[in-house]
Structure formats: C-alpha cells, structure tokens
Protein backbone atom coordinates (compact mmCIF):
# COMPACT_ATOMS: atom_id res chain seq x y z
CA MET A 1 0.00 0.00 0.00
CA GLU A 2 1.21 3.46 -0.85
CA GLN A 3 2.48 5.40 2.15
CA PRO A 4 -0.04 8.00 3.36
CA VAL A 5 1.00 11.66 3.36
CA ILE A 6 0.31 13.79 6.44
CA ALA A 7 0.76 17.58 6.33
CA LEU A 8 1.44 19.77 9.36
CA VAL A 9 -0.14 23.23 9.10
CA GLY A 10 -0.75 26.09 11.47
CA ARG A 11 0.22 29.62 12.36
CA PRO A 12 3.89 30.49 12.91
CA ASN A 13 5.54 29.25 16.10
CA VAL A 14 2.84 26.75 17.13
CA GLY A 15 5.32 23.86 17.10
CA LYS A 16 5.00 22.31 13.63
CA SER A 17 8.74 21.81 13.18
CA THR A 18 9.08 20.42 16.70
CA LEU A 19 6.35 17.88 15.92
CA PHE A 20 8.00 17.11 12.56
CA ASN A 21 11.26 16.27 14.34
CA ARG A 22 9.36 14.18 16.89
CA LEU A 23 7.52 12.19 14.20
CA THR A 24 10.59 11.61 12.02
CA ARG A 25 12.95 11.13 14.98
CA THR A 26 15.38 13.53 13.34
CA ARG A 27 16.46 17.13 13.69
CA ASP A 28 15.90 17.89 10.03
CA ALA A 29 13.55 20.82 10.70
CA LEU A 30 14.94 24.04 12.12
CA VAL A 31 13.48 24.80 15.56
CA ALA A 32 13.77 28.05 17.52
CA ASP A 33 11.53 30.53 19.31
CA PHE A 34 11.29 32.67 16.19
CA PRO A 35 8.15 32.94 14.00
CA GLY A 36 8.41 32.07 10.33
CA LEU A 37 11.46 29.81 10.39
CA THR A 38 10.08 27.17 8.03
CA ARG A 39 9.29 28.69 4.65
CA ASP A 40 9.36 25.66 2.35
CA ARG A 41 7.92 22.16 2.37
CA GLN A 42 10.08 19.80 4.38
CA TYR A 43 9.61 16.05 3.87
CA GLY A 44 10.43 13.17 6.18
CA LEU A 45 9.52 9.55 6.85
CA GLY A 46 7.27 9.23 9.89
CA ARG A 47 8.47 6.73 12.51
CA VAL A 48 5.94 7.27 15.30
CA GLY A 49 2.85 5.13 14.73
CA PRO A 50 1.80 1.66 13.56
CA VAL A 51 2.68 2.09 9.85
CA PRO A 52 5.19 4.18 7.87
CA TYR A 53 4.03 7.44 6.33
CA VAL A 54 5.31 10.64 4.79
CA VAL A 55 5.09 13.78 6.93
CA VAL A 56 5.31 17.27 5.42
CA ASP A 57 6.26 20.32 7.47
CA THR A 58 5.03 23.65 6.06
CA GLY A 59 5.76 27.29 6.66
CA GLY A 60 3.52 29.02 9.14
CA LEU A 61 0.73 31.01 7.54
CA GLY A 62 2.00 34.17 9.16
CA GLU A 63 1.66 37.90 9.00
CA PRO A 64 0.68 39.35 5.59
CA ASP A 65 3.32 42.09 5.90
CA ASP A 66 6.06 39.43 5.68
CA PRO A 67 7.41 39.85 2.07
CA THR A 68 7.45 36.05 1.65
CA TYR A 69 3.99 35.49 3.14
CA HIS A 70 2.15 34.81 -0.12
CA ASP A 71 4.91 32.46 -1.36
CA MET A 72 4.86 30.56 1.96
CA GLN A 73 1.10 30.27 1.69
CA GLY A 74 1.53 28.80 -1.79
CA GLN A 75 3.94 26.20 -0.40
CA ALA A 76 1.47 25.29 2.37
CA VAL A 77 -1.38 24.96 -0.16
CA ARG A 78 0.73 22.60 -2.29
CA ALA A 79 1.35 20.48 0.80
CA LEU A 80 -2.41 20.35 1.43
CA ASP A 81 -2.97 19.17 -2.15
CA GLU A 82 -0.48 16.33 -1.65
CA ALA A 83 -1.79 15.29 1.78
CA ASP A 84 -4.16 12.47 2.73
CA ALA A 85 -4.68 14.02 6.16
CA VAL A 86 -3.87 17.33 7.83
CA LEU A 87 -2.68 17.95 11.37
CA PHE A 88 -3.83 21.48 12.19
CA LEU A 89 -1.68 22.70 15.11
CA VAL A 90 -2.90 25.39 17.49
CA ASP A 91 -1.30 26.87 20.61
CA ALA A 92 -2.96 25.93 23.91
CA HIS A 93 -1.55 29.06 25.56
CA ALA A 94 -2.58 31.53 22.84
CA GLY A 95 -6.20 30.43 22.46
CA VAL A 96 -8.19 30.89 19.27
CA THR A 97 -6.79 33.65 17.06
CA PRO A 98 -8.07 35.26 13.85
CA GLY A 99 -5.30 33.38 12.03
CA ASP A 100 -6.68 30.06 13.34
CA GLU A 101 -10.15 30.97 12.14
CA ALA A 102 -8.91 31.98 8.68
CA LEU A 103 -6.91 28.77 8.35
CA THR A 104 -9.92 26.70 9.42
CA HIS A 105 -11.88 28.27 6.56
CA GLN A 106 -9.11 27.40 4.10
CA LEU A 107 -8.95 23.80 5.32
CA ARG A 108 -12.70 23.34 4.88
CA GLN A 109 -12.36 24.49 1.27
CA ARG A 110 -9.69 21.87 0.57
CA GLY A 111 -11.94 19.02 1.69
CA LYS A 112 -9.17 17.18 3.57
CA ARG A 113 -9.47 15.10 6.72
CA VAL A 114 -8.39 17.54 9.45
CA TRP A 115 -7.16 16.67 12.93
CA LEU A 116 -7.12 19.59 15.35
CA VAL A 117 -3.96 19.26 17.45
CA LEU A 118 -3.74 21.30 20.66
CA ASN A 119 -0.01 21.72 21.23
CA LYS A 120 1.94 23.03 24.25
CA VAL A 121 -0.43 21.59 26.86
CA ASP A 122 2.32 21.26 29.47
CA GLY A 123 1.35 23.34 32.48
CA VAL A 124 -2.28 23.85 31.41
CA ASP A 125 -5.52 21.90 31.81
CA PRO A 126 -6.10 20.35 28.36
CA ASP A 127 -9.87 20.24 28.81
CA LEU A 128 -10.09 23.92 29.76
CA ALA A 129 -7.63 25.00 27.06
CA GLY A 130 -9.36 22.90 24.42
CA ALA A 131 -12.88 24.09 25.21
CA GLU A 132 -12.32 27.37 23.39
CA PHE A 133 -11.26 25.59 20.19
CA HIS A 134 -14.59 23.80 19.83
CA ALA A 135 -15.77 27.09 18.32
CA LEU A 136 -13.75 26.31 15.19
CA GLY A 137 -16.28 23.61 14.33
CA LEU A 138 -13.69 20.86 13.87
CA ASP A 139 -13.50 17.54 15.69
CA ARG A 140 -12.39 17.53 19.31
CA PRO A 141 -8.82 18.79 19.82
CA TRP A 142 -6.08 16.25 20.52
CA PRO A 143 -3.82 17.54 23.33
CA ILE A 144 -0.08 17.00 22.89
CA ALA A 145 3.26 18.43 24.01
CA ALA A 146 5.42 18.00 20.91
CA VAL A 147 8.62 19.09 22.63
CA HIS A 148 8.35 16.20 25.13
CA GLY A 149 6.37 13.77 22.97
CA ARG A 150 3.40 13.68 25.34
CA GLY A 151 0.26 12.44 23.54
CA VAL A 152 2.01 12.13 20.15
CA PRO A 153 1.97 8.29 19.84
CA ARG A 154 -1.74 8.17 20.74
CA LEU A 155 -2.51 10.87 18.17
CA MET A 156 -0.62 9.14 15.37
CA GLU A 157 -2.18 5.77 16.12
CA ALA A 158 -5.63 7.32 15.70
CA VAL A 159 -4.67 9.25 12.55
CA LEU A 160 -3.07 6.25 10.84
CA ASP A 161 -5.81 3.82 11.84
CA ASP A 162 -8.30 6.20 10.23
CA LEU A 163 -6.19 6.60 7.08
CA VAL A 164 -5.33 2.97 6.52
CA GLY A 165 -8.88 1.82 7.23
CA SER A 166 -10.36 4.30 4.76
CA ARG A 167 -8.17 3.27 1.83
CA HIS A 168 -9.64 1.34 -1.09
CA GLU A 169 -8.28 -2.12 -0.42
CA ALA A 170 -9.33 -3.37 -3.86
CA HIS A 171 -6.97 -0.97 -5.56
CA GLU A 172 -3.71 -2.55 -6.73
CA PRO A 173 -0.99 -1.25 -4.38
CA ALA A 174 1.41 1.09 -6.09
CA THR A 175 5.14 0.96 -5.56
CA PRO A 176 5.90 3.14 -2.49
CA GLY A 177 6.89 6.62 -3.50
CA THR A 178 5.62 6.41 -7.10
CA ASP A 179 2.51 7.42 -8.99
CA ASP A 180 0.60 5.25 -11.48
CA ASP A 181 3.14 6.09 -14.21
CA GLY A 182 6.06 5.01 -12.03
CA HIS A 183 7.38 8.54 -11.44
CA THR A 184 8.71 9.28 -8.01
CA ASP A 185 6.84 12.05 -6.20
CA ALA A 186 6.68 11.32 -2.48
CA PRO A 187 10.05 11.29 -0.73
CA ILE A 188 11.68 8.05 0.25
CA SER A 189 14.02 7.86 3.22
CA GLU A 190 17.59 7.43 2.09
CA THR A 191 18.17 4.93 4.92
CA HIS A 192 15.64 2.64 3.19
CA ASP A 193 16.84 3.17 -0.40
CA SER A 194 20.55 2.66 -0.84
CA ALA A 195 20.28 3.45 -4.58
CA ARG A 196 19.14 7.01 -3.87
CA ILE A 197 21.97 9.55 -4.24
CA ARG A 198 21.89 12.29 -1.60
CA VAL A 199 23.06 15.60 -3.07
CA ALA A 200 23.57 18.77 -1.00
CA LEU A 201 23.57 22.15 -2.74
CA ILE A 202 25.73 24.64 -0.86
CA GLY A 203 26.99 28.15 -1.45
CA ARG A 204 26.65 31.74 -0.37
CA PRO A 205 23.18 33.34 -0.14
CA ASN A 206 21.45 34.30 -3.38
CA VAL A 207 23.74 32.38 -5.74
CA GLY A 208 20.76 30.48 -7.16
CA LYS A 209 20.65 27.20 -5.22
CA SER A 210 16.85 27.10 -4.91
CA THR A 211 16.42 28.10 -8.54
CA LEU A 212 18.72 25.25 -9.50
CA VAL A 213 16.72 22.76 -7.40
CA ASN A 214 13.48 23.85 -9.08
CA ARG A 215 15.10 23.61 -12.51
CA LEU A 216 16.40 20.09 -11.83
CA VAL A 217 13.08 18.87 -10.44
CA GLY A 218 10.97 20.67 -13.02
CA GLU A 219 8.59 22.42 -10.62
CA GLU A 220 8.49 25.21 -8.04
CA ARG A 221 9.39 22.89 -5.19
CA VAL A 222 11.52 25.38 -3.21
CA LEU A 223 10.74 29.00 -2.46
CA VAL A 224 12.73 31.39 -4.67
CA TYR A 225 12.88 35.02 -3.64
CA ASP A 226 15.27 37.79 -4.63
CA MET A 227 16.47 38.31 -1.07
CA PRO A 228 19.58 36.69 0.42
CA GLY A 229 18.80 34.14 3.10
CA THR A 230 15.27 33.21 2.00
CA THR A 231 16.10 29.53 2.54
CA ARG A 232 16.83 29.15 6.24
CA ASP A 233 16.50 25.39 6.59
CA ALA A 234 17.87 22.41 4.68
CA ILE A 235 15.03 21.28 2.39
CA ARG A 236 15.04 17.70 1.06
CA VAL A 237 13.52 17.22 -2.38
CA PRO A 238 13.32 13.63 -3.67
CA PHE A 239 12.86 12.94 -7.38
CA GLU A 240 13.88 10.52 -10.13
CA ARG A 241 15.60 11.08 -13.45
CA ASP A 242 16.34 8.43 -16.10
CA GLY A 243 15.79 5.64 -13.60
CA GLN A 244 18.16 7.10 -10.99
CA ALA A 245 16.69 8.30 -7.67
CA PHE A 246 18.08 11.47 -6.09
CA THR A 247 17.41 13.49 -2.98
CA LEU A 248 18.41 17.13 -3.39
CA ILE A 249 19.17 18.97 -0.15
CA ASP A 250 18.76 22.72 -0.66
CA THR A 251 20.58 24.56 2.11
CA ALA A 252 20.60 28.03 3.55
CA GLY A 253 23.34 30.26 2.19
CA VAL A 254 26.35 30.54 4.49
CA ARG A 255 27.59 34.06 5.10
CA ARG A 256 30.86 35.24 6.58
CA ARG A 257 31.04 34.79 10.35
CA SER A 258 30.98 38.56 10.91
CA ARG A 259 27.55 38.70 9.24
CA VAL A 260 26.05 35.78 11.14
CA ARG A 261 24.22 37.76 13.80
CA GLU A 262 20.74 36.36 14.32
CA THR A 263 20.24 33.03 16.06
CA VAL A 264 18.38 31.91 12.95
CA GLU A 265 21.43 32.57 10.75
CA LYS A 266 23.68 30.64 13.15
CA PHE A 267 21.31 27.69 13.01
CA SER A 268 21.31 27.89 9.21
CA VAL A 269 25.09 27.57 9.13
CA VAL A 270 24.89 24.48 11.30
CA LYS A 271 22.18 22.98 9.08
CA THR A 272 24.34 23.57 5.99
CA LEU A 273 27.30 21.79 7.53
CA GLN A 274 25.02 18.97 8.66
CA ALA A 275 23.65 18.73 5.12
CA ILE A 276 27.21 18.22 3.84
CA ASP A 277 27.70 15.42 6.34
CA ALA A 278 24.36 13.83 5.35
CA ALA A 279 25.13 13.99 1.60
CA GLU A 280 27.14 11.70 -0.63
CA VAL A 281 27.81 14.32 -3.30
CA VAL A 282 27.96 18.10 -2.86
CA ILE A 283 27.17 20.66 -5.56
CA MET A 284 28.99 23.89 -4.74
CA VAL A 285 27.10 26.73 -6.44
CA LEU A 286 29.20 29.77 -7.32
CA ASP A 287 27.98 33.06 -8.75
CA ALA A 288 29.88 33.87 -11.95
CA GLN A 289 29.04 37.54 -11.48
CA GLN A 290 30.83 37.69 -8.11
CA GLU A 291 34.41 37.02 -7.08
CA ILE A 292 35.24 33.71 -5.45
CA SER A 293 35.52 34.54 -1.77
CA GLU A 294 37.44 33.11 1.14
CA GLN A 295 34.09 31.89 2.47
CA ASP A 296 33.59 29.86 -0.73
CA ALA A 297 36.98 28.21 -0.28
CA HIS A 298 36.29 27.45 3.41
CA LEU A 299 32.93 25.88 2.58
CA ILE A 300 34.44 23.75 -0.18
CA GLY A 301 37.24 22.79 2.18
CA HIS A 302 34.70 21.49 4.67
CA ALA A 303 33.10 19.31 1.98
CA VAL A 304 36.52 17.95 0.99
CA ASP A 305 37.49 17.31 4.62
CA ALA A 306 34.21 15.43 5.05
CA GLY A 307 35.23 13.25 2.11
CA ARG A 308 32.29 14.19 -0.07
CA GLY A 309 32.27 13.97 -3.83
CA LEU A 310 32.18 17.46 -5.31
CA VAL A 311 30.72 19.15 -8.38
CA LEU A 312 31.36 22.86 -9.03
CA ALA A 313 28.38 24.65 -10.58
CA VAL A 314 29.32 28.14 -11.77
CA ASN A 315 25.88 29.77 -12.09
CA LYS A 316 24.61 32.85 -13.97
CA TRP A 317 26.93 32.14 -16.89
CA ASP A 318 24.51 33.26 -19.62
CA GLY A 319 25.11 36.75 -20.91
CA LEU A 320 28.49 37.07 -19.18
CA ALA A 321 31.05 39.10 -21.14
CA PRO A 322 34.13 37.21 -22.43
CA ALA A 323 36.38 39.22 -20.10
CA ASP A 324 34.29 38.22 -17.08
CA ARG A 325 34.35 34.58 -18.17
CA ASP A 326 38.14 34.70 -18.38
CA ARG A 327 38.22 36.30 -14.92
CA ILE A 328 36.18 33.56 -13.27
CA ARG A 329 38.29 30.86 -14.93
CA ARG A 330 41.46 32.48 -13.59
CA GLU A 331 39.94 32.69 -10.12
CA LEU A 332 39.01 29.01 -10.22
CA ASP A 333 42.62 28.14 -11.07
CA LEU A 334 44.15 30.46 -8.48
CA LYS A 335 41.78 30.38 -5.50
CA LEU A 336 40.59 26.78 -5.81
CA ALA A 337 43.82 25.17 -6.94
CA PHE A 338 43.34 22.43 -4.34
CA LEU A 339 40.25 21.30 -6.30
CA ASP A 340 42.12 19.88 -9.25
CA PHE A 341 39.95 16.74 -9.01
CA ALA A 342 36.59 18.56 -9.48
CA ARG A 343 35.52 19.81 -12.90
CA PRO A 344 33.65 23.14 -13.02
CA ARG A 345 30.32 23.16 -14.84
CA PHE A 346 29.19 26.51 -16.23
CA ILE A 347 25.41 26.80 -16.03
CA SER A 348 22.41 29.10 -15.89
CA ALA A 349 19.86 27.76 -13.41
CA LEU A 350 17.37 30.42 -14.51
CA HIS A 351 17.46 29.51 -18.21
CA GLY A 352 18.53 25.87 -17.91
CA THR A 353 21.82 26.15 -19.80
CA GLY A 354 24.16 23.29 -18.85
CA VAL A 355 21.88 22.07 -16.04
CA GLY A 356 21.08 18.75 -17.70
CA ARG A 357 24.71 17.65 -17.50
CA LEU A 358 24.96 18.38 -13.78
CA LEU A 359 23.13 15.24 -12.66
CA ASP A 360 25.19 13.12 -15.06
CA GLU A 361 28.26 14.56 -13.37
CA VAL A 362 26.78 13.86 -9.94
CA ALA A 363 26.15 10.22 -10.87
CA GLN A 364 29.71 9.84 -12.19
CA VAL A 365 31.17 11.36 -9.03
CA HIS A 366 28.99 9.08 -6.90
CA ARG A 367 30.24 6.01 -8.79
CA ALA A 368 33.84 7.15 -8.38
CA ALA A 369 33.40 7.71 -4.64
CA ARG A 370 32.04 4.17 -4.20
CA ALA A 371 34.40 2.46 -6.65
CA GLU A 372 35.83 -0.95 -5.77
CA LEU A 373 39.61 -0.98 -6.26
CA PRO A 374 41.06 -4.50 -6.67
CA THR A 375 44.24 -5.13 -4.69
CA PRO A 376 46.29 -6.47 -7.67
CA ALA A 377 45.41 -3.37 -9.71
CA LEU A 378 46.32 -1.06 -6.81
CA ASN A 379 49.71 -2.75 -6.42
CA ALA A 380 50.36 -2.52 -10.16
CA VAL A 381 49.68 1.24 -10.09
CA LEU A 382 51.88 1.63 -7.00
CA ALA A 383 54.73 -0.27 -8.67
CA ASP A 384 54.48 1.88 -11.80
CA ALA A 385 54.50 5.05 -9.68
CA LEU A 386 57.58 3.91 -7.76
CA GLU A 387 59.40 3.00 -10.96
CA ALA A 388 58.64 6.39 -12.48
CA HIS A 389 59.54 8.39 -9.39
CA GLN A 390 61.16 6.91 -6.28
CA PRO A 391 60.39 8.30 -2.80
CA PRO A 392 63.13 10.54 -1.36
CA LEU A 393 65.99 9.54 0.93
CA ILE A 394 65.54 10.13 4.66
CA ARG A 395 68.82 10.19 6.63
CA GLY A 396 70.46 8.33 3.81
CA ARG A 397 67.81 5.61 3.71
CA ARG A 398 65.22 5.24 0.97
CA ILE A 399 61.53 5.23 2.00
CA LYS A 400 60.09 1.93 0.83
CA LEU A 401 56.44 1.48 -0.10
CA ARG A 402 55.74 -2.24 -0.38
CA TYR A 403 52.07 -2.89 -1.16
CA ALA A 404 48.59 -1.31 -1.17
CA HIS A 405 44.98 -2.33 -0.66
CA GLN A 406 41.61 -0.58 -0.38
CA GLY A 407 40.64 0.47 3.14
CA GLY A 408 37.25 2.09 2.53
CA ARG A 409 34.86 3.76 0.12
CA ASN A 410 32.97 7.04 -0.10
CA PRO A 411 35.59 8.46 -0.28
CA PRO A 412 38.03 5.86 -1.58
CA MET A 413 40.73 5.08 0.97
CA ILE A 414 43.95 3.35 -0.08
CA VAL A 415 46.14 1.80 2.60
CA ILE A 416 49.86 1.68 1.71
CA HIS A 417 52.33 -0.35 3.77
CA GLY A 418 56.04 0.40 3.94
CA ASN A 419 58.79 1.76 6.17
CA GLN A 420 59.45 5.33 7.33
CA THR A 421 56.07 6.31 5.84
CA ALA A 422 55.59 9.06 8.45
CA ALA A 423 58.46 10.93 6.79
CA LEU A 424 56.91 10.82 3.31
CA PRO A 425 56.63 14.42 2.00
CA ALA A 426 53.22 15.89 1.19
CA ALA A 427 54.29 16.47 -2.42
CA TYR A 428 54.95 12.76 -2.92
CA LYS A 429 51.59 11.89 -1.37
CA ARG A 430 49.89 14.21 -3.89
CA TYR A 431 51.86 12.49 -6.64
CA LEU A 432 50.52 9.10 -5.54
CA VAL A 433 46.95 10.42 -5.29
CA ASN A 434 47.14 11.72 -8.86
CA ARG A 435 48.50 8.39 -10.12
CA PHE A 436 45.66 6.47 -8.48
CA ARG A 437 43.07 8.99 -9.68
CA ARG A 438 44.16 8.71 -13.31
CA ALA A 439 44.44 4.92 -13.20
CA PHE A 440 40.94 4.37 -11.79
CA SER A 441 39.15 7.47 -13.22
CA LEU A 442 38.29 8.75 -9.75
CA GLN A 443 37.18 12.18 -10.95
CA GLY A 444 35.27 14.41 -8.53
CA THR A 445 35.98 12.56 -5.29
CA PRO A 446 38.71 13.08 -2.70
CA ILE A 447 41.11 10.16 -2.23
CA ARG A 448 42.50 9.39 1.18
CA LEU A 449 45.83 7.62 1.69
CA ASP A 450 46.54 5.75 4.92
CA PHE A 451 50.19 4.84 5.39
CA LYS A 452 51.20 1.95 7.62
CA THR A 453 54.76 1.45 8.79
CA GLY A 454 55.65 -2.15 9.62
CA GLU A 455 56.82 -2.60 13.20
CA ASN A 456 60.41 -3.69 13.81
CA PRO A 457 60.19 -6.95 15.80
CA TYR A 458 63.52 -6.12 17.47
CA ALA A 459 62.58 -2.55 18.40
CA GLY A 460 63.35 -1.98 22.10
CA ARG A 461 65.28 -5.21 22.48
CA ARG A 462 69.04 -5.43 23.08
CA ASN A 463 70.99 -7.95 21.01
CA ARG A 464 72.51 -10.80 23.02
CA LEU A 465 76.30 -11.00 22.42
CA THR A 466 78.00 -14.24 21.61
CA PRO A 467 80.91 -15.29 23.97
CA ARG A 468 83.43 -14.10 21.37
CA GLN A 469 81.67 -10.72 21.01
CA GLN A 470 81.56 -10.40 24.79
CA ARG A 471 85.36 -11.02 25.12
CA LYS A 472 86.07 -8.48 22.38
CA ARG A 473 83.85 -5.91 24.12
CA GLU A 474 85.74 -6.40 27.41
CA ARG A 475 89.15 -5.97 25.66
CA LEU A 476 87.97 -2.71 24.11
CA ILE A 477 86.78 -1.42 27.47
CA ARG A 478 90.17 -2.24 29.15
CA ARG A 479 92.08 -0.59 26.30
CA ASN A 480 90.03 2.60 26.53
CA ARG A 481 90.59 2.74 30.29
CA ARG A 482 94.40 2.48 29.90
CA LYS A 483 94.37 5.28 27.33
CA ALA A 484 92.34 7.46 29.67
C-alpha cells in the first residue's frame, strides 16, 4: 500500500517543526523561538505510529506584511494538495486567534481530513484550554506536548488507523513513492533506499541554489525570492531522473562569520554543515558575477574534509562578457587550486543552460566515490608510480612502499604499507593520489591515503652478544681505560 501523506499546518511558532522532528525522529527541521522559520515544504519519513508514512512540514501562515507570506502560503497549499490528512496545530496558551479561524476556513475548502492538534499543553488543563477551540467547528482537539512527545503516539495511532482503514483495499498497491506512471513524487528515506543519491547544494546566499533545485526537479518545489537568506533550513527534495533516484538537499546560504548575527542565521550555518555530512555528493554553487571569496573556499574545504564527492556549478553564466568569463576561470585556477579533481560546470539555473549535465556529473562522481579498487590493480599502479619516481631519501635511507589495498569507500581510501612512511613528504603523497586517480578514473571525489609502517620486531630489544663478542667488548673497554 502506498504510504499516506500527512501535512502539518498552522500559524507560525505553534510547534510544527518540533512535531516534525518528533515524528521523524530527526532534527531535520529548524526549531527556535522565532516565528516564520520554516518557509518551504520539508519532507520526512514518519516513525511514530503503527505504519510508515510521509510527513510534510510547512511554513507558518504568518503575517501578511512578511514579504514572503504569499509564497509561503503557496507552499502550504501545495502540501495540502499532496496530503491524505492534515494535522492542524494550534497553541494551547494563545487560544483561538483570527489566524486560526482563517486557516480553518481554508482547510474546509480543501476538503481534507483535518485533525485539530492542541499543542503546548504542558502546564495547562487540556480540557479547559481545548474548550475554546470547539468554536472552530472541527472535531475535538487532541492535546499534545510535541517538545516532550506527550500524547504524540496516541494521536498518530488514531490518525493512521483512520487513514489505513479508509483506503480502497481493492486498488492494486502502487510501488511506495511512485505514482501510477512510475514517477517518483513522495520522498523516500535514504536509509531505506541505498540506490538514492543524496546531493547537497551549498553556497553563499542568493547564488541560485533554490532556482537550481526547481530547474532540476521541473517544478516550483523550493521557495525562490530575490532576497539573500530566503532559505533558512535544509530542504530535502526527492525525485527521479532516467531511472536514478536522487534526494536534493537545498541549504541556507552561508555568510561570513561577521555577518552571522541572528540566532536563525547561526542555526542555518549548522544545518548547511550537517547537510554536507548527510550527503554523498555536494554541488557547490558559485555566482559567476561575483568574485570567489574566502568563504567559498572554506565551505568547499569542509566538503573535501568530510570526504564528499564534489561538483562545481558556476551559475549565472549566460550573458556574461568574455572578459568576465576569463576572470572567473582564472579565479578558479588560483583560489581553488586544491580542487584539481573537481571539474567546473558553467550553467544558468534560470534559463537551464548546462543544467542537464549536472546530474550526469553527480552520478559519475557518486560512482567514483564508491568504486571498488582490486588489490592487484592497486599494487600494479603503486609499482608503476615507484618505478617512475622513487620516494626521497631520509637520513640516507630510501623510503620503501611495499604494497597497497583498499581500506574504505565514499571516499576511496587506499592503505599503503612500507617503512618510514611518516616521513613521506606531502608532495609525494599528492603524486601518488594523482597516479591512483588517473588509473581508476576517480574524478570528482577526494582520495585518502593511509600509510602503515611495519613494526620492527627487534625494536626496544638489546641484542645478546656471543661469547666471542663479549670477550672483544671487554678488551675494548680495558684498552680505553688504559688510554684514559
């Protein structure tokens, strides 16, 4: 049976994201005491309840003077269209507000099954607090405390029993996460689908990450607004292309530390770094109309340190003057010289130029990061590298590298055994990395080398002298004493 979809709606700051995290048992949704944090649809796999389901967190239908209010409302309406049931969250402490009444009217127009959820009941009498909400004309309110999980399992058991029981059992069950044509629409948890490639889009604010996500998916899935920092959370967007399943993670733009002032911005930085850790491949989006900054290099460095495959997307390339194109190419060579393994792709997310090749590049990088490297082939490459260029001498002794084998994947790790490996210069390590990369076509992924020095079995032990050696030692000692 297809997984049911449950949408969380309500005014800002009523606890939707807290409940989302509780239901998915994750921290994927940004949570703080700040209205309007969630502005896009956030998907997750529900884990509280008798059957699996998809839960969708939406932006609060907030104050009309917020410049993104109408766009957030559009995102919430799309979530309602996708949902089989709606959890309408209200605040037990705030009572019924005009916003609650307006949202109730909207929900009635959608014709969805609505569950009125009375959140934040800790410290209040649920019966007294809930009495006021009967005026909304919905079913009785379900009291919960999302932050502590109180009442949440009982609520979800009732919601899911109602959903599963009302489904048409005669209908042929569809493949989970697909429609009747086999196209993926509902998100699938990456922990349950190892073939799904997780891709994080990172970069400074307003470089076009959300526009690129929408272009790749082919719909307005993520809010796009001409104001830096519109995306404050990490939004997961699952989709399928040419038989390959992807999950795109659109992240908040990371600003320089001196500009990270609000608590919200600090949380966004953390979510971006967490998105890198959760991804298998990272698309670093650069703005061709701006200089490559130190912040760009630091962010890329974090992705490389995390061992993630990397694709450089240089956006806003259309209409750029030849001189500006030459400038950005020079900056890529000079400021990102350490990224010699990642090919830049010059694109226009707005117009679609070059975007189609990005996912092909992502798939290639993913394959390279997970490549299996046979031990005989690794040793053949190592032998050729040593024959072409021997390691240097250390205190008159040559560093010897004896054999290699694979120690891990994603990123590829190659373990090399030898002697005096701790003294191997960084330049020679880079030489070996480049030899392995060319031999196995490991484009777009970092390669880690782990050097092992064989232990000397006689280290720390004194040699035992033969009787002849002992007599010679004693003669030398007596001779030295007479000379003294």
